Amino acid sequence: MDSDASAGEQSVRQVLVTNQLGLHARPASQIAREAQAFVAKISIEAQGQTVDAKSILDILTLSAGMGSTLEIRACGADAPQAVDRLTELFAAKFGEK
């Protein structure tokens, strides 16, 4: 972990995948794009697998379908804001119906 990420706060939150198609390419892209805007190290965990939230390909490997529970973890100066923003994406179903 780099010094910027380890110097700040930690934040963890569970989210539910509620969009019908789950974490396919478009939502994975949205998550990674938003995560990259933060200094914090951000990861997503599902069923014992932890991936880098800043990587579209990593997110896709979770194969998280509708109804999956994920844990978003962030560590760094802007960790709470990062977790809040990613949680908002899940709550909004990534703009899907």
PDB file of N, CA and C in Angstrom:
ATOM      1  N   MET A   1       0.847  -1.173   0.000  1.00  0.00           N
ATOM      2  CA  MET A   1       0.000   0.000   0.000  1.00  0.00           C
ATOM      3  C   MET A   1       0.892   1.236   0.000  1.00  0.00           C
ATOM      4  N   ASP A   2       0.553   2.219  -0.787  1.00  0.00           N
ATOM      5  CA  ASP A   2       1.397   3.405  -0.827  1.00  0.00           C
ATOM      6  C   ASP A   2       1.121   4.303   0.376  1.00  0.00           C
ATOM      7  N   SER A   3       2.002   5.254   0.612  1.00  0.00           N
ATOM      8  CA  SER A   3       1.886   6.086   1.802  1.00  0.00           C
ATOM      9  C   SER A   3       0.648   6.968   1.781  1.00  0.00           C
ATOM     10  N   ASP A   4       0.214   7.409   0.601  1.00  0.00           N
ATOM     11  CA  ASP A   4      -0.996   8.237   0.537  1.00  0.00           C
ATOM     12  C   ASP A   4      -2.215   7.464   1.009  1.00  0.00           C
ATOM     13  N   ALA A   5      -2.340   6.222   0.579  1.00  0.00           N
ATOM     14  CA  ALA A   5      -3.500   5.417   0.931  1.00  0.00           C
ATOM     15  C   ALA A   5      -3.469   5.019   2.406  1.00  0.00           C
ATOM     16  N   SER A   6      -2.283   4.694   2.929  1.00  0.00           N
ATOM     17  CA  SER A   6      -2.212   4.224   4.307  1.00  0.00           C
ATOM     18  C   SER A   6      -2.309   5.365   5.313  1.00  0.00           C
ATOM     19  N   ALA A   7      -2.118   6.595   4.877  1.00  0.00           N
ATOM     20  CA  ALA A   7      -2.106   7.727   5.796  1.00  0.00           C
ATOM     21  C   ALA A   7      -3.502   8.168   6.217  1.00  0.00           C
ATOM     22  N   GLY A   8      -4.518   7.818   5.464  1.00  0.00           N
ATOM     23  CA  GLY A   8      -5.848   8.350   5.733  1.00  0.00           C
ATOM     24  C   GLY A   8      -6.760   7.386   6.449  1.00  0.00           C
ATOM     25  N   GLU A   9      -8.024   7.664   6.300  1.00  0.00           N
ATOM     26  CA  GLU A   9      -9.058   6.906   6.966  1.00  0.00           C
ATOM     27  C   GLU A   9      -9.360   5.604   6.237  1.00  0.00           C
ATOM     28  N   GLN A  10     -10.103   4.753   6.932  1.00  0.00           N
ATOM     29  CA  GLN A  10     -10.632   3.546   6.311  1.00  0.00           C
ATOM     30  C   GLN A  10     -12.138   3.634   6.328  1.00  0.00           C
ATOM     31  N   SER A  11     -12.749   3.116   5.278  1.00  0.00           N
ATOM     32  CA  SER A  11     -14.201   3.125   5.190  1.00  0.00           C
ATOM     33  C   SER A  11     -14.644   1.831   4.522  1.00  0.00           C
ATOM     34  N   VAL A  12     -15.697   1.229   5.045  1.00  0.00           N
ATOM     35  CA  VAL A  12     -16.224  -0.031   4.521  1.00  0.00           C
ATOM     36  C   VAL A  12     -17.745   0.055   4.485  1.00  0.00           C
ATOM     37  N   ARG A  13     -18.319  -0.460   3.396  1.00  0.00           N
ATOM     38  CA  ARG A  13     -19.780  -0.489   3.309  1.00  0.00           C
ATOM     39  C   ARG A  13     -20.222  -1.657   2.441  1.00  0.00           C
ATOM     40  N   GLN A  14     -21.310  -2.272   2.815  1.00  0.00           N
ATOM     41  CA  GLN A  14     -21.885  -3.331   1.991  1.00  0.00           C
ATOM     42  C   GLN A  14     -22.921  -2.731   1.062  1.00  0.00           C
ATOM     43  N   VAL A  15     -22.944  -3.245  -0.165  1.00  0.00           N
ATOM     44  CA  VAL A  15     -23.927  -2.800  -1.157  1.00  0.00           C
ATOM     45  C   VAL A  15     -24.554  -4.026  -1.798  1.00  0.00           C
ATOM     46  N   LEU A  16     -25.728  -3.823  -2.348  1.00  0.00           N
ATOM     47  CA  LEU A  16     -26.464  -4.884  -3.025  1.00  0.00           C
ATOM     48  C   LEU A  16     -26.551  -4.550  -4.505  1.00  0.00           C
ATOM     49  N   VAL A  17     -26.263  -5.514  -5.354  1.00  0.00           N
ATOM     50  CA  VAL A  17     -26.407  -5.323  -6.799  1.00  0.00           C
ATOM     51  C   VAL A  17     -27.888  -5.476  -7.121  1.00  0.00           C
ATOM     52  N   THR A  18     -28.528  -4.381  -7.540  1.00  0.00           N
ATOM     53  CA  THR A  18     -29.970  -4.412  -7.782  1.00  0.00           C
ATOM     54  C   THR A  18     -30.354  -4.228  -9.249  1.00  0.00           C
ATOM     55  N   ASN A  19     -29.376  -3.893 -10.094  1.00  0.00           N
ATOM     56  CA  ASN A  19     -29.716  -3.759 -11.512  1.00  0.00           C
ATOM     57  C   ASN A  19     -29.827  -5.156 -12.121  1.00  0.00           C
ATOM     58  N   GLN A  20     -30.739  -5.315 -13.047  1.00  0.00           N
ATOM     59  CA  GLN A  20     -31.117  -6.618 -13.570  1.00  0.00           C
ATOM     60  C   GLN A  20     -29.955  -7.413 -14.177  1.00  0.00           C
ATOM     61  N   LEU A  21     -29.039  -6.740 -14.849  1.00  0.00           N
ATOM     62  CA  LEU A  21     -27.957  -7.445 -15.536  1.00  0.00           C
ATOM     63  C   LEU A  21     -26.695  -7.607 -14.691  1.00  0.00           C
ATOM     64  N   GLY A  22     -26.713  -7.124 -13.453  1.00  0.00           N
ATOM     65  CA  GLY A  22     -25.548  -7.265 -12.585  1.00  0.00           C
ATOM     66  C   GLY A  22     -24.397  -6.378 -13.029  1.00  0.00           C
ATOM     67  N   LEU A  23     -23.198  -6.739 -12.608  1.00  0.00           N
ATOM     68  CA  LEU A  23     -22.019  -5.926 -12.918  1.00  0.00           C
ATOM     69  C   LEU A  23     -21.429  -6.333 -14.264  1.00  0.00           C
ATOM     70  N   HIS A  24     -22.103  -5.958 -15.325  1.00  0.00           N
ATOM     71  CA  HIS A  24     -21.587  -6.188 -16.666  1.00  0.00           C
ATOM     72  C   HIS A  24     -20.645  -5.037 -17.026  1.00  0.00           C
ATOM     73  N   ALA A  25     -20.243  -4.934 -18.272  1.00  0.00           N
ATOM     74  CA  ALA A  25     -19.183  -4.003 -18.671  1.00  0.00           C
ATOM     75  C   ALA A  25     -19.494  -2.537 -18.365  1.00  0.00           C
ATOM     76  N   ARG A  26     -20.723  -2.090 -18.612  1.00  0.00           N
ATOM     77  CA  ARG A  26     -21.022  -0.667 -18.404  1.00  0.00           C
ATOM     78  C   ARG A  26     -20.941  -0.272 -16.925  1.00  0.00           C
ATOM     79  N   PRO A  27     -21.597  -1.005 -16.012  1.00  0.00           N
ATOM     80  CA  PRO A  27     -21.434  -0.654 -14.596  1.00  0.00           C
ATOM     81  C   PRO A  27     -19.992  -0.790 -14.107  1.00  0.00           C
ATOM     82  N   ALA A  28     -19.285  -1.812 -14.575  1.00  0.00           N
ATOM     83  CA  ALA A  28     -17.880  -1.985 -14.171  1.00  0.00           C
ATOM     84  C   ALA A  28     -17.062  -0.776 -14.601  1.00  0.00           C
ATOM     85  N   SER A  29     -17.351  -0.269 -15.807  1.00  0.00           N
ATOM     86  CA  SER A  29     -16.661   0.916 -16.309  1.00  0.00           C
ATOM     87  C   SER A  29     -16.971   2.136 -15.449  1.00  0.00           C
ATOM     88  N   GLN A  30     -18.227   2.292 -15.064  1.00  0.00           N
ATOM     89  CA  GLN A  30     -18.621   3.426 -14.215  1.00  0.00           C
ATOM     90  C   GLN A  30     -17.921   3.357 -12.863  1.00  0.00           C
ATOM     91  N   ILE A  31     -17.891   2.169 -12.268  1.00  0.00           N
ATOM     92  CA  ILE A  31     -17.238   1.998 -10.967  1.00  0.00           C
ATOM     93  C   ILE A  31     -15.753   2.354 -11.076  1.00  0.00           C
ATOM     94  N   ALA A  32     -15.082   1.792 -12.056  1.00  0.00           N
ATOM     95  CA  ALA A  32     -13.642   2.034 -12.207  1.00  0.00           C
ATOM     96  C   ALA A  32     -13.347   3.506 -12.464  1.00  0.00           C
ATOM     97  N   ARG A  33     -14.147   4.130 -13.324  1.00  0.00           N
ATOM     98  CA  ARG A  33     -13.936   5.547 -13.641  1.00  0.00           C
ATOM     99  C   ARG A  33     -14.101   6.407 -12.388  1.00  0.00           C
ATOM    100  N   GLU A  34     -15.154   6.159 -11.626  1.00  0.00           N
ATOM    101  CA  GLU A  34     -15.375   6.936 -10.397  1.00  0.00           C
ATOM    102  C   GLU A  34     -14.271   6.653  -9.369  1.00  0.00           C
ATOM    103  N   ALA A  35     -13.888   5.400  -9.232  1.00  0.00           N
ATOM    104  CA  ALA A  35     -12.859   5.033  -8.250  1.00  0.00           C
ATOM    105  C   ALA A  35     -11.521   5.689  -8.566  1.00  0.00           C
ATOM    106  N   GLN A  36     -11.207   5.805  -9.852  1.00  0.00           N
ATOM    107  CA  GLN A  36      -9.931   6.395 -10.260  1.00  0.00           C
ATOM    108  C   GLN A  36      -9.838   7.875  -9.900  1.00  0.00           C
ATOM    109  N   ALA A  37     -10.958   8.505  -9.618  1.00  0.00           N
ATOM    110  CA  ALA A  37     -10.957   9.924  -9.259  1.00  0.00           C
ATOM    111  C   ALA A  37     -10.497  10.149  -7.814  1.00  0.00           C
ATOM    112  N   PHE A  38     -10.334   9.071  -7.056  1.00  0.00           N
ATOM    113  CA  PHE A  38      -9.962   9.191  -5.647  1.00  0.00           C
ATOM    114  C   PHE A  38      -8.530   8.712  -5.422  1.00  0.00           C
ATOM    115  N   VAL A  39      -7.887   9.294  -4.413  1.00  0.00           N
ATOM    116  CA  VAL A  39      -6.534   8.900  -4.034  1.00  0.00           C
ATOM    117  C   VAL A  39      -6.558   7.564  -3.285  1.00  0.00           C
ATOM    118  N   ALA A  40      -7.619   7.326  -2.545  1.00  0.00           N
ATOM    119  CA  ALA A  40      -7.728   6.134  -1.708  1.00  0.00           C
ATOM    120  C   ALA A  40      -7.552   4.848  -2.507  1.00  0.00           C
ATOM    121  N   LYS A  41      -7.021   3.851  -1.848  1.00  0.00           N
ATOM    122  CA  LYS A  41      -6.985   2.504  -2.411  1.00  0.00           C
ATOM    123  C   LYS A  41      -8.384   1.926  -2.178  1.00  0.00           C
ATOM    124  N   ILE A  42      -9.021   1.467  -3.241  1.00  0.00           N
ATOM    125  CA  ILE A  42     -10.411   1.004  -3.142  1.00  0.00           C
ATOM    126  C   ILE A  42     -10.501  -0.417  -3.675  1.00  0.00           C
ATOM    127  N   SER A  43     -11.142  -1.271  -2.903  1.00  0.00           N
ATOM    128  CA  SER A  43     -11.338  -2.648  -3.347  1.00  0.00           C
ATOM    129  C   SER A  43     -12.799  -3.035  -3.177  1.00  0.00           C
ATOM    130  N   ILE A  44     -13.182  -4.074  -3.919  1.00  0.00           N
ATOM    131  CA  ILE A  44     -14.527  -4.625  -3.821  1.00  0.00           C
ATOM    132  C   ILE A  44     -14.374  -6.111  -3.559  1.00  0.00           C
ATOM    133  N   GLU A  45     -15.135  -6.603  -2.592  1.00  0.00           N
ATOM    134  CA  GLU A  45     -15.071  -8.019  -2.249  1.00  0.00           C
ATOM    135  C   GLU A  45     -16.431  -8.662  -2.460  1.00  0.00           C
ATOM    136  N   ALA A  46     -16.413  -9.859  -3.037  1.00  0.00           N
ATOM    137  CA  ALA A  46     -17.625 -10.656  -3.210  1.00  0.00           C
ATOM    138  C   ALA A  46     -17.245 -12.122  -3.087  1.00  0.00           C
ATOM    139  N   GLN A  47     -17.938 -12.840  -2.250  1.00  0.00           N
ATOM    140  CA  GLN A  47     -17.747 -14.281  -2.080  1.00  0.00           C
ATOM    141  C   GLN A  47     -16.276 -14.644  -1.881  1.00  0.00           C
ATOM    142  N   GLY A  48     -15.591 -13.888  -1.032  1.00  0.00           N
ATOM    143  CA  GLY A  48     -14.205 -14.184  -0.708  1.00  0.00           C
ATOM    144  C   GLY A  48     -13.178 -13.721  -1.727  1.00  0.00           C
ATOM    145  N   GLN A  49     -13.624 -13.123  -2.819  1.00  0.00           N
ATOM    146  CA  GLN A  49     -12.707 -12.615  -3.845  1.00  0.00           C
ATOM    147  C   GLN A  49     -12.626 -11.095  -3.716  1.00  0.00           C
ATOM    148  N   THR A  50     -11.414 -10.556  -3.637  1.00  0.00           N
ATOM    149  CA  THR A  50     -11.210  -9.118  -3.525  1.00  0.00           C
ATOM    150  C   THR A  50     -10.501  -8.614  -4.770  1.00  0.00           C
ATOM    151  N   VAL A  51     -11.054  -7.528  -5.344  1.00  0.00           N
ATOM    152  CA  VAL A  51     -10.478  -6.961  -6.570  1.00  0.00           C
ATOM    153  C   VAL A  51     -10.278  -5.459  -6.420  1.00  0.00           C
ATOM    154  N   ASP A  52      -9.443  -4.905  -7.284  1.00  0.00           N
ATOM    155  CA  ASP A  52      -9.168  -3.476  -7.344  1.00  0.00           C
ATOM    156  C   ASP A  52     -10.356  -2.772  -8.011  1.00  0.00           C
ATOM    157  N   ALA A  53     -10.986  -1.848  -7.303  1.00  0.00           N
ATOM    158  CA  ALA A  53     -12.158  -1.140  -7.834  1.00  0.00           C
ATOM    159  C   ALA A  53     -11.793  -0.175  -8.953  1.00  0.00           C
ATOM    160  N   LYS A  54     -10.508   0.065  -9.162  1.00  0.00           N
ATOM    161  CA  LYS A  54     -10.082   0.973 -10.225  1.00  0.00           C
ATOM    162  C   LYS A  54      -9.820   0.239 -11.540  1.00  0.00           C
ATOM    163  N   SER A  55     -10.058  -1.080 -11.553  1.00  0.00           N
ATOM    164  CA  SER A  55      -9.807  -1.906 -12.731  1.00  0.00           C
ATOM    165  C   SER A  55     -11.108  -2.527 -13.247  1.00  0.00           C
ATOM    166  N   ILE A  56     -11.503  -2.144 -14.458  1.00  0.00           N
ATOM    167  CA  ILE A  56     -12.715  -2.700 -15.062  1.00  0.00           C
ATOM    168  C   ILE A  56     -12.623  -4.219 -15.147  1.00  0.00           C
ATOM    169  N   LEU A  57     -11.493  -4.719 -15.619  1.00  0.00           N
ATOM    170  CA  LEU A  57     -11.347  -6.170 -15.784  1.00  0.00           C
ATOM    171  C   LEU A  57     -11.431  -6.900 -14.450  1.00  0.00           C
ATOM    172  N   ASP A  58     -10.823  -6.341 -13.419  1.00  0.00           N
ATOM    173  CA  ASP A  58     -10.910  -6.954 -12.094  1.00  0.00           C
ATOM    174  C   ASP A  58     -12.362  -7.031 -11.632  1.00  0.00           C
ATOM    175  N   ILE A  59     -13.097  -5.954 -11.803  1.00  0.00           N
ATOM    176  CA  ILE A  59     -14.503  -5.913 -11.374  1.00  0.00           C
ATOM    177  C   ILE A  59     -15.315  -6.975 -12.112  1.00  0.00           C
ATOM    178  N   LEU A  60     -15.070  -7.117 -13.400  1.00  0.00           N
ATOM    179  CA  LEU A  60     -15.807  -8.108 -14.192  1.00  0.00           C
ATOM    180  C   LEU A  60     -15.550  -9.536 -13.712  1.00  0.00           C
ATOM    181  N   THR A  61     -14.359  -9.802 -13.157  1.00  0.00           N
ATOM    182  CA  THR A  61     -14.063 -11.158 -12.684  1.00  0.00           C
ATOM    183  C   THR A  61     -14.920 -11.559 -11.488  1.00  0.00           C
ATOM    184  N   LEU A  62     -15.552 -10.592 -10.837  1.00  0.00           N
ATOM    185  CA  LEU A  62     -16.435 -10.912  -9.710  1.00  0.00           C
ATOM    186  C   LEU A  62     -17.693 -11.647 -10.174  1.00  0.00           C
ATOM    187  N   SER A  63     -18.072 -11.457 -11.432  1.00  0.00           N
ATOM    188  CA  SER A  63     -19.299 -12.066 -11.975  1.00  0.00           C
ATOM    189  C   SER A  63     -20.479 -11.865 -11.026  1.00  0.00           C
ATOM    190  N   ALA A  64     -20.625 -10.651 -10.530  1.00  0.00           N
ATOM    191  CA  ALA A  64     -21.664 -10.344  -9.554  1.00  0.00           C
ATOM    192  C   ALA A  64     -22.991 -10.072 -10.248  1.00  0.00           C
ATOM    193  N   GLY A  65     -23.918 -10.973 -10.081  1.00  0.00           N
ATOM    194  CA  GLY A  65     -25.238 -10.831 -10.674  1.00  0.00           C
ATOM    195  C   GLY A  65     -26.190 -10.090  -9.753  1.00  0.00           C
ATOM    196  N   MET A  66     -27.395  -9.865 -10.252  1.00  0.00           N
ATOM    197  CA  MET A  66     -28.428  -9.205  -9.452  1.00  0.00           C
ATOM    198  C   MET A  66     -28.631  -9.998  -8.157  1.00  0.00           C
ATOM    199  N   GLY A  67     -28.711  -9.267  -7.046  1.00  0.00           N
ATOM    200  CA  GLY A  67     -28.898  -9.892  -5.746  1.00  0.00           C
ATOM    201  C   GLY A  67     -27.607 -10.169  -5.002  1.00  0.00           C
ATOM    202  N   SER A  68     -26.456  -9.957  -5.650  1.00  0.00           N
ATOM    203  CA  SER A  68     -25.161 -10.174  -4.993  1.00  0.00           C
ATOM    204  C   SER A  68     -24.899  -9.077  -3.964  1.00  0.00           C
ATOM    205  N   THR A  69     -24.328  -9.465  -2.844  1.00  0.00           N
ATOM    206  CA  THR A  69     -23.895  -8.508  -1.832  1.00  0.00           C
ATOM    207  C   THR A  69     -22.390  -8.339  -1.957  1.00  0.00           C
ATOM    208  N   LEU A  70     -21.961  -7.089  -2.066  1.00  0.00           N
ATOM    209  CA  LEU A  70     -20.541  -6.768  -2.207  1.00  0.00           C
ATOM    210  C   LEU A  70     -20.111  -5.884  -1.047  1.00  0.00           C
ATOM    211  N   GLU A  71     -18.826  -5.902  -0.762  1.00  0.00           N
ATOM    212  CA  GLU A  71     -18.281  -5.012   0.255  1.00  0.00           C
ATOM    213  C   GLU A  71     -17.277  -4.088  -0.412  1.00  0.00           C
ATOM    214  N   ILE A  72     -17.504  -2.801  -0.265  1.00  0.00           N
ATOM    215  CA  ILE A  72     -16.583  -1.793  -0.791  1.00  0.00           C
ATOM    216  C   ILE A  72     -15.685  -1.357   0.369  1.00  0.00           C
ATOM    217  N   ARG A  73     -14.378  -1.423   0.140  1.00  0.00           N
ATOM    218  CA  ARG A  73     -13.405  -1.010   1.157  1.00  0.00           C
ATOM    219  C   ARG A  73     -12.501   0.060   0.567  1.00  0.00           C
ATOM    220  N   ALA A  74     -12.265   1.100   1.332  1.00  0.00           N
ATOM    221  CA  ALA A  74     -11.352   2.151   0.882  1.00  0.00           C
ATOM    222  C   ALA A  74     -10.446   2.549   2.035  1.00  0.00           C
ATOM    223  N   CYS A  75      -9.209   2.863   1.686  1.00  0.00           N
ATOM    224  CA  CYS A  75      -8.237   3.303   2.674  1.00  0.00           C
ATOM    225  C   CYS A  75      -7.462   4.465   2.074  1.00  0.00           C
ATOM    226  N   GLY A  76      -7.520   5.604   2.735  1.00  0.00           N
ATOM    227  CA  GLY A  76      -6.816   6.783   2.252  1.00  0.00           C
ATOM    228  C   GLY A  76      -7.510   8.044   2.713  1.00  0.00           C
ATOM    229  N   ALA A  77      -6.935   9.169   2.355  1.00  0.00           N
ATOM    230  CA  ALA A  77      -7.433  10.469   2.816  1.00  0.00           C
ATOM    231  C   ALA A  77      -8.887  10.713   2.424  1.00  0.00           C
ATOM    232  N   ASP A  78      -9.283  10.235   1.247  1.00  0.00           N
ATOM    233  CA  ASP A  78     -10.652  10.481   0.781  1.00  0.00           C
ATOM    234  C   ASP A  78     -11.496   9.205   0.766  1.00  0.00           C
ATOM    235  N   ALA A  79     -11.160   8.253   1.637  1.00  0.00           N
ATOM    236  CA  ALA A  79     -11.859   6.966   1.671  1.00  0.00           C
ATOM    237  C   ALA A  79     -13.367   7.092   1.893  1.00  0.00           C
ATOM    238  N   PRO A  80     -13.834   7.881   2.868  1.00  0.00           N
ATOM    239  CA  PRO A  80     -15.285   7.973   3.068  1.00  0.00           C
ATOM    240  C   PRO A  80     -16.019   8.515   1.838  1.00  0.00           C
ATOM    241  N   GLN A  81     -15.426   9.507   1.197  1.00  0.00           N
ATOM    242  CA  GLN A  81     -16.049  10.083   0.000  1.00  0.00           C
ATOM    243  C   GLN A  81     -16.081   9.062  -1.139  1.00  0.00           C
ATOM    244  N   ALA A  82     -15.028   8.278  -1.268  1.00  0.00           N
ATOM    245  CA  ALA A  82     -14.964   7.260  -2.318  1.00  0.00           C
ATOM    246  C   ALA A  82     -16.051   6.206  -2.115  1.00  0.00           C
ATOM    247  N   VAL A  83     -16.175   5.732  -0.892  1.00  0.00           N
ATOM    248  CA  VAL A  83     -17.185   4.720  -0.600  1.00  0.00           C
ATOM    249  C   VAL A  83     -18.586   5.297  -0.804  1.00  0.00           C
ATOM    250  N   ASP A  84     -18.798   6.530  -0.372  1.00  0.00           N
ATOM    251  CA  ASP A  84     -20.105   7.177  -0.583  1.00  0.00           C
ATOM    252  C   ASP A  84     -20.438   7.241  -2.070  1.00  0.00           C
ATOM    253  N   ARG A  85     -19.478   7.659  -2.888  1.00  0.00           N
ATOM    254  CA  ARG A  85     -19.735   7.818  -4.324  1.00  0.00           C
ATOM    255  C   ARG A  85     -20.046   6.484  -4.991  1.00  0.00           C
ATOM    256  N   LEU A  86     -19.281   5.451  -4.664  1.00  0.00           N
ATOM    257  CA  LEU A  86     -19.538   4.147  -5.268  1.00  0.00           C
ATOM    258  C   LEU A  86     -20.868   3.569  -4.783  1.00  0.00           C
ATOM    259  N   THR A  87     -21.198   3.810  -3.531  1.00  0.00           N
ATOM    260  CA  THR A  87     -22.484   3.359  -3.006  1.00  0.00           C
ATOM    261  C   THR A  87     -23.634   4.023  -3.760  1.00  0.00           C
ATOM    262  N   GLU A  88     -23.472   5.292  -4.097  1.00  0.00           N
ATOM    263  CA  GLU A  88     -24.496   6.016  -4.875  1.00  0.00           C
ATOM    264  C   GLU A  88     -24.725   5.361  -6.234  1.00  0.00           C
ATOM    265  N   LEU A  89     -23.651   4.904  -6.885  1.00  0.00           N
ATOM    266  CA  LEU A  89     -23.795   4.221  -8.172  1.00  0.00           C
ATOM    267  C   LEU A  89     -24.648   2.978  -8.050  1.00  0.00           C
ATOM    268  N   PHE A  90     -24.385   2.189  -7.003  1.00  0.00           N
ATOM    269  CA  PHE A  90     -25.174   0.974  -6.791  1.00  0.00           C
ATOM    270  C   PHE A  90     -26.635   1.313  -6.486  1.00  0.00           C
ATOM    271  N   ALA A  91     -26.855   2.340  -5.660  1.00  0.00           N
ATOM    272  CA  ALA A  91     -28.223   2.744  -5.307  1.00  0.00           C
ATOM    273  C   ALA A  91     -29.006   3.214  -6.516  1.00  0.00           C
ATOM    274  N   ALA A  92     -28.311   3.840  -7.472  1.00  0.00           N
ATOM    275  CA  ALA A  92     -28.953   4.348  -8.679  1.00  0.00           C
ATOM    276  C   ALA A  92     -29.054   3.277  -9.783  1.00  0.00           C
ATOM    277  N   LYS A  93     -28.647   2.040  -9.449  1.00  0.00           N
ATOM    278  CA  LYS A  93     -28.674   0.926 -10.416  1.00  0.00           C
ATOM    279  C   LYS A  93     -27.876   1.247 -11.671  1.00  0.00           C
ATOM    280  N   PHE A  94     -26.866   2.089 -11.533  1.00  0.00           N
ATOM    281  CA  PHE A  94     -25.986   2.465 -12.666  1.00  0.00           C
ATOM    282  C   PHE A  94     -26.768   3.067 -13.815  1.00  0.00           C
ATOM    283  N   GLY A  95     -27.888   3.711 -13.490  1.00  0.00           N
ATOM    284  CA  GLY A  95     -28.698   4.354 -14.527  1.00  0.00           C
ATOM    285  C   GLY A  95     -29.573   3.387 -15.302  1.00  0.00           C
ATOM    286  N   GLU A  96     -29.619   2.141 -14.860  1.00  0.00           N
ATOM    287  CA  GLU A  96     -30.462   1.150 -15.531  1.00  0.00           C
ATOM    288  C   GLU A  96     -31.808   1.048 -14.828  1.00  0.00           C
ATOM    289  N   LYS A  97     -32.758   0.422 -15.497  1.00  0.00           N
ATOM    290  CA  LYS A  97     -34.075   0.239 -14.890  1.00  0.00           C
ATOM    291  C   LYS A  97     -34.126  -0.998 -14.040  1.00  0.00           C
TER     292      LYS A  97
END
